[in-house]
Amino acid sequence: MKPISKKNIPKKVKLIYYNKSSTLVPSELFDHKNSLNYLKYTTTIQTNDLAANDLILHEQINNVYIPNVEINNFIFEKFKAFNFYHYSSLLIEKFSNTHTDKFSQKVFLNVNNGFIDILYFKNKQLIFFNSFDYKSKEDILYYLLFTFSELSLNPDNIHLVCCGLIDLDSELYGLLYNYIRNIELLESEEIEGIDSNILKSNILLSNF
């Protein structure tokens, strides 16, 4: 690989880990010594793994995950200074700032390729966050309605905000609208040089 010339070195480098292997821990209960233990029920842990955490939502929550040491070392060798995050940390922070006074409750659905994220905010507080694998649009509807049921939310009243691999012409949107009337689609901002379909599939690209 050719070395990067000084004039082409970016001023800031951000590395985002894009996977479902993370868990949220309230800051009051968080202990660095137990970081890997928080992950053992949801993530396959290897012998040499080291845990990292992002402090989010005004330092109220630690998002614990396992970064790839080899990737981090490679980026450090190339750029020296960089920041890395788990994508769900950025997603939660973004959605926590998307509230309006009009709605005291919001559910967010982020549709990724092969899995979805569901978040529920009440009075600007994060109440629920989870990710689910899916193979069909019916799977997405099932997990969404299951979440509504577990949280005692009424599909006729709740405000659902969707982003990712969904648009007004998609079969998924049509299916969801049969059960949930109040649906909003977040639009991604255009970035020069990046295909609009790529931006639609990952809302973080237009914000970070």
Protein backbone atom coordinates (compact mmCIF):
# COMPACT_ATOMS: atom_id res chain seq x y z
CA MET A 1 0.00 0.00 0.00
CA LYS A 2 1.35 3.44 -0.93
CA PRO A 3 2.11 5.81 1.96
CA ILE A 4 -0.33 8.67 2.45
CA SER A 5 1.17 12.03 1.52
CA LYS A 6 0.97 14.79 4.11
CA LYS A 7 -1.28 16.94 1.94
CA ASN A 8 -3.83 14.10 1.75
CA ILE A 9 -3.93 13.36 5.48
CA PRO A 10 -7.38 14.30 6.85
CA LYS A 11 -7.58 16.72 9.78
CA LYS A 12 -9.79 14.33 11.74
CA VAL A 13 -10.23 10.58 11.48
CA LYS A 14 -13.22 8.74 12.93
CA LEU A 15 -13.56 4.96 12.99
CA ILE A 16 -17.05 3.53 13.48
CA TYR A 17 -17.56 -0.12 14.43
CA TYR A 18 -20.67 -1.32 12.65
CA ASN A 19 -22.01 -4.48 14.29
CA LYS A 20 -24.57 -5.61 16.88
CA SER A 21 -21.98 -6.56 19.51
CA SER A 22 -22.55 -3.90 22.15
CA THR A 23 -24.48 -3.47 25.37
CA LEU A 24 -25.71 -0.46 27.36
CA VAL A 25 -24.81 -0.06 31.03
CA PRO A 26 -26.03 2.80 33.26
CA SER A 27 -23.05 4.86 34.35
CA GLU A 28 -23.95 4.43 38.02
CA LEU A 29 -23.52 0.65 37.64
CA PHE A 30 -20.55 0.67 35.28
CA ASP A 31 -17.19 -0.74 36.39
CA HIS A 32 -14.25 -0.83 33.95
CA LYS A 33 -13.00 -4.06 35.51
CA ASN A 34 -16.20 -5.84 34.49
CA SER A 35 -16.39 -4.48 30.93
CA LEU A 36 -16.09 -7.87 29.23
CA ASN A 37 -18.57 -9.42 31.67
CA TYR A 38 -21.25 -7.02 30.47
CA LEU A 39 -20.85 -8.47 26.98
CA LYS A 40 -20.65 -12.18 27.70
CA TYR A 41 -24.40 -12.83 27.31
CA THR A 42 -24.70 -11.12 23.92
CA THR A 43 -21.25 -11.39 22.31
CA THR A 44 -18.74 -14.13 21.59
CA ILE A 45 -15.61 -13.12 23.52
CA GLN A 46 -12.12 -14.25 22.53
CA THR A 47 -9.20 -14.73 24.95
CA ASN A 48 -7.32 -11.58 23.93
CA ASP A 49 -10.33 -9.29 23.51
CA LEU A 50 -10.30 -5.88 25.15
CA ALA A 51 -13.47 -3.90 25.76
CA ALA A 52 -14.03 -0.22 25.02
CA ASN A 53 -16.94 2.00 25.92
CA ASP A 54 -18.56 5.20 24.69
CA LEU A 55 -19.99 7.52 27.31
CA ILE A 56 -23.28 8.81 25.87
CA LEU A 57 -26.46 10.72 26.72
CA HIS A 58 -24.84 13.32 28.96
CA GLU A 59 -22.63 10.66 30.55
CA GLN A 60 -25.63 8.71 31.81
CA ILE A 61 -24.91 5.52 29.85
CA ASN A 62 -21.82 3.53 28.87
CA ASN A 63 -22.06 1.67 25.58
CA VAL A 64 -19.66 -1.27 25.91
CA TYR A 65 -18.24 -3.09 22.86
CA ILE A 66 -15.12 -4.85 21.56
CA PRO A 67 -13.01 -2.89 19.06
CA ASN A 68 -10.63 -4.66 16.69
CA VAL A 69 -7.11 -4.07 18.06
CA GLU A 70 -5.44 -4.79 14.72
CA ILE A 71 -7.64 -2.26 12.90
CA ASN A 72 -7.06 0.35 15.60
CA ASN A 73 -3.29 -0.17 15.42
CA PHE A 74 -3.36 0.11 11.62
CA ILE A 75 -5.32 3.37 11.72
CA PHE A 76 -3.00 4.72 14.41
CA GLU A 77 0.08 3.93 12.33
CA LYS A 78 -1.41 5.77 9.34
CA PHE A 79 -2.95 8.79 11.05
CA LYS A 80 -1.50 8.83 14.60
CA ALA A 81 -4.57 10.44 16.17
CA PHE A 82 -8.13 9.25 15.67
CA ASN A 83 -11.39 8.64 17.51
CA PHE A 84 -13.39 5.43 17.38
CA TYR A 85 -16.98 4.69 18.35
CA HIS A 86 -19.62 2.03 18.14
CA TYR A 87 -22.24 2.99 15.56
CA SER A 88 -25.07 2.52 18.06
CA SER A 89 -23.57 5.22 20.29
CA LEU A 90 -23.78 7.73 17.45
CA LEU A 91 -27.23 6.50 16.49
CA ILE A 92 -28.59 6.91 20.01
CA GLU A 93 -27.05 10.36 20.36
CA LYS A 94 -28.47 11.48 17.01
CA PHE A 95 -31.98 10.26 17.78
CA SER A 96 -31.91 11.72 21.28
CA ASN A 97 -31.49 15.13 19.63
CA THR A 98 -34.30 14.60 17.12
CA HIS A 99 -37.14 15.15 19.61
CA THR A 100 -39.71 17.87 19.19
CA ASP A 101 -42.05 19.31 21.79
CA LYS A 102 -44.95 17.94 19.80
CA PHE A 103 -44.27 14.34 20.81
CA SER A 104 -43.44 13.16 24.34
CA GLN A 105 -42.83 9.63 23.03
CA LYS A 106 -41.02 8.41 19.92
CA VAL A 107 -39.99 5.06 18.51
CA PHE A 108 -37.14 4.96 16.00
CA LEU A 109 -36.67 2.17 13.47
CA ASN A 110 -33.31 2.01 11.72
CA VAL A 111 -33.28 -0.57 8.92
CA ASN A 112 -29.82 -1.99 8.20
CA ASN A 113 -28.89 -4.74 5.76
CA GLY A 114 -29.87 -7.88 7.69
CA PHE A 115 -30.72 -6.33 11.03
CA ILE A 116 -32.76 -3.49 12.50
CA ASP A 117 -32.39 -1.16 15.47
CA ILE A 118 -35.40 -0.17 17.54
CA LEU A 119 -35.18 2.71 20.01
CA TYR A 120 -37.85 4.15 22.30
CA PHE A 121 -37.60 7.57 23.94
CA LYS A 122 -40.06 8.91 26.49
CA ASN A 123 -39.79 12.48 27.74
CA LYS A 124 -36.38 12.65 26.05
CA GLN A 125 -35.10 9.66 28.04
CA LEU A 126 -33.91 6.46 26.37
CA ILE A 127 -36.17 3.66 27.60
CA PHE A 128 -35.39 0.87 25.13
CA PHE A 129 -32.74 -0.06 22.58
CA ASN A 130 -32.24 -3.39 20.84
CA SER A 131 -31.19 -4.88 17.51
CA PHE A 132 -32.84 -7.80 15.72
CA ASP A 133 -31.83 -9.93 12.75
CA TYR A 134 -34.39 -10.16 9.95
CA LYS A 135 -34.84 -12.01 6.67
CA SER A 136 -38.09 -10.48 5.45
CA LYS A 137 -40.21 -7.36 5.85
CA GLU A 138 -42.63 -9.46 7.91
CA ASP A 139 -39.84 -10.11 10.41
CA ILE A 140 -39.37 -6.36 10.84
CA LEU A 141 -43.09 -5.86 11.44
CA TYR A 142 -43.11 -8.71 13.97
CA TYR A 143 -40.21 -7.32 16.02
CA LEU A 144 -41.67 -3.82 15.91
CA LEU A 145 -45.13 -4.91 17.08
CA PHE A 146 -43.57 -7.22 19.67
CA THR A 147 -41.62 -4.24 21.03
CA PHE A 148 -44.79 -2.15 21.12
CA SER A 149 -46.53 -4.89 23.05
CA GLU A 150 -43.69 -5.28 25.58
CA LEU A 151 -43.58 -1.51 26.14
CA SER A 152 -47.40 -1.19 26.25
CA LEU A 153 -47.43 1.20 23.29
CA ASN A 154 -50.46 1.73 21.08
CA PRO A 155 -49.60 1.48 17.33
CA ASP A 156 -52.46 3.89 16.58
CA ASN A 157 -50.97 6.65 18.72
CA ILE A 158 -47.21 6.23 18.80
CA HIS A 159 -44.99 8.33 16.54
CA LEU A 160 -42.65 6.04 14.55
CA VAL A 161 -39.58 7.55 12.87
CA CYS A 162 -37.91 5.38 10.22
CA CYS A 163 -34.57 5.60 8.45
CA GLY A 164 -32.18 3.37 6.55
CA LEU A 165 -33.36 0.90 3.91
CA ILE A 166 -36.94 2.16 3.72
CA ASP A 167 -38.75 4.76 1.61
CA LEU A 168 -42.30 5.72 0.64
CA ASP A 169 -42.31 3.36 -2.34
CA SER A 170 -40.93 0.33 -0.50
CA GLU A 171 -43.00 -2.72 0.36
CA LEU A 172 -41.79 -2.41 3.94
CA TYR A 173 -43.30 1.06 4.32
CA GLY A 174 -46.60 -0.16 2.89
CA LEU A 175 -46.66 -3.09 5.31
CA LEU A 176 -45.85 -0.96 8.36
CA TYR A 177 -48.48 1.62 7.42
CA ASN A 178 -51.17 -1.07 7.60
CA TYR A 179 -50.51 -1.32 11.33
CA ILE A 180 -48.91 2.01 12.32
CA ARG A 181 -50.51 5.23 11.11
CA ASN A 182 -48.10 7.87 12.35
CA ILE A 183 -44.89 7.16 10.38
CA GLU A 184 -42.18 9.68 9.57
CA LEU A 185 -39.26 9.00 7.23
CA LEU A 186 -35.98 10.76 7.94
CA GLU A 187 -34.29 12.14 4.85
CA SER A 188 -30.50 11.94 4.53
CA GLU A 189 -28.51 14.99 3.50
CA GLU A 190 -26.62 14.84 0.22
CA ILE A 191 -22.82 14.58 0.30
CA GLU A 192 -20.78 15.33 -2.79
CA GLY A 193 -19.11 12.21 -4.17
CA ILE A 194 -21.27 9.70 -2.28
CA ASP A 195 -24.15 7.87 -3.95
CA SER A 196 -27.54 8.84 -2.50
CA ASN A 197 -28.54 5.18 -2.09
CA ILE A 198 -25.53 4.63 0.17
CA LEU A 199 -26.55 7.59 2.32
CA LYS A 200 -30.09 6.26 2.61
CA SER A 201 -28.79 2.91 3.85
CA ASN A 202 -26.75 4.48 6.66
CA ILE A 203 -28.02 7.67 8.27
CA LEU A 204 -24.76 8.17 10.15
CA LEU A 205 -22.80 8.96 7.00
CA SER A 206 -24.51 12.31 6.58
CA ASN A 207 -23.94 13.32 10.18
CA PHE A 208 -20.51 12.09 11.18
